[in-house]
Amino acid sequence: MKKLLLLIALGIFAFASIDINTASAKELTALKGIDKKKAEAIVKYRKAHCFQSIDELTKVKGIGKKTIEKNREEIEVWEV
């Protein structure tokens, strides 16, 4: 029973989306192509500009359309 609960919990975590308006820099590094420096740039950008869409990530230096497309299924944008 414990193993089943653990598998369920891990499955939910594996499919969890990352909200770019609230995620920490550490959480953002879970995305493909996002290292610590880019994650920190995302956090810095959002302090001045709340993200309205996933595509707005291209306004962050070092993040292009290819990076967004690789991660589109894992990213969410919630209004803050």
Protein backbone atom coordinates (compact mmCIF):
# COMPACT_ATOMS: atom_id res chain seq x y z
CA MET A 1 0.00 0.00 0.00
CA LYS A 2 2.83 2.41 0.87
CA LYS A 3 4.53 1.66 -2.44
CA LEU A 4 1.32 2.39 -4.34
CA LEU A 5 0.86 5.74 -2.59
CA LEU A 6 4.47 6.65 -3.32
CA LEU A 7 4.07 5.80 -7.00
CA ILE A 8 0.91 7.90 -7.22
CA ALA A 9 2.60 10.84 -5.52
CA LEU A 10 5.60 10.62 -7.84
CA GLY A 11 3.32 10.40 -10.87
CA ILE A 12 1.44 13.53 -9.87
CA PHE A 13 4.71 15.38 -9.27
CA ALA A 14 6.12 14.27 -12.63
CA PHE A 15 3.18 15.79 -14.49
CA ALA A 16 2.96 18.98 -12.46
CA SER A 17 3.26 22.20 -14.39
CA ILE A 18 5.51 25.06 -13.43
CA ASP A 19 3.91 28.48 -13.09
CA ILE A 20 6.46 31.00 -14.33
CA ASN A 21 4.85 33.75 -12.23
CA THR A 22 5.40 31.96 -8.92
CA ALA A 23 8.13 29.32 -9.36
CA SER A 24 11.45 29.77 -7.63
CA ALA A 25 14.67 29.86 -9.61
CA LYS A 26 15.41 26.34 -8.38
CA GLU A 27 12.02 25.09 -9.63
CA LEU A 28 12.56 26.77 -13.00
CA THR A 29 15.80 24.82 -13.52
CA ALA A 30 13.67 21.69 -13.88
CA LEU A 31 12.71 22.96 -17.35
CA LYS A 32 14.72 21.82 -20.38
CA GLY A 33 17.42 24.31 -21.33
CA ILE A 34 16.94 26.48 -18.23
CA ASP A 35 20.07 26.66 -16.12
CA LYS A 36 20.56 28.62 -12.91
CA LYS A 37 21.50 31.83 -14.75
CA LYS A 38 18.42 31.75 -17.02
CA ALA A 39 16.15 30.84 -14.10
CA GLU A 40 17.42 33.84 -12.17
CA ALA A 41 16.84 36.03 -15.24
CA ILE A 42 13.22 34.82 -15.39
CA VAL A 43 12.69 35.68 -11.72
CA LYS A 44 14.29 39.11 -12.20
CA TYR A 45 12.13 39.84 -15.26
CA ARG A 46 8.90 38.86 -13.55
CA LYS A 47 9.61 41.14 -10.59
CA ALA A 48 9.24 44.04 -13.05
CA HIS A 49 6.73 42.45 -15.43
CA CYS A 50 4.16 39.80 -14.54
CA PHE A 51 4.03 37.20 -17.33
CA GLN A 52 0.77 37.32 -19.27
CA SER A 53 1.64 34.41 -21.60
CA ILE A 54 4.21 31.66 -22.00
CA ASP A 55 5.51 33.30 -25.19
CA GLU A 56 6.50 36.38 -23.18
CA LEU A 57 9.45 34.33 -21.93
CA THR A 58 11.25 35.34 -25.14
CA LYS A 59 11.65 38.78 -23.59
CA VAL A 60 14.06 37.24 -21.08
CA LYS A 61 17.65 37.30 -22.32
CA GLY A 62 18.82 33.83 -23.33
CA ILE A 63 15.37 32.31 -23.79
CA GLY A 64 14.16 31.71 -27.31
CA LYS A 65 11.22 30.10 -29.05
CA LYS A 66 12.92 26.69 -29.17
CA THR A 67 13.32 26.62 -25.40
CA ILE A 68 9.68 27.58 -24.96
CA GLU A 69 8.48 24.90 -27.38
CA LYS A 70 10.54 22.21 -25.59
CA ASN A 71 8.79 23.15 -22.34
CA ARG A 72 5.34 24.37 -23.40
CA GLU A 73 3.56 21.36 -21.86
CA GLU A 74 5.28 21.91 -18.50
CA ILE A 75 4.74 25.68 -18.23
CA GLU A 76 1.69 27.52 -16.93
CA VAL A 77 0.95 31.19 -16.45
CA TRP A 78 -1.31 32.08 -13.56
CA GLU A 79 -2.32 35.62 -12.91
CA VAL A 80 -0.83 36.99 -9.74
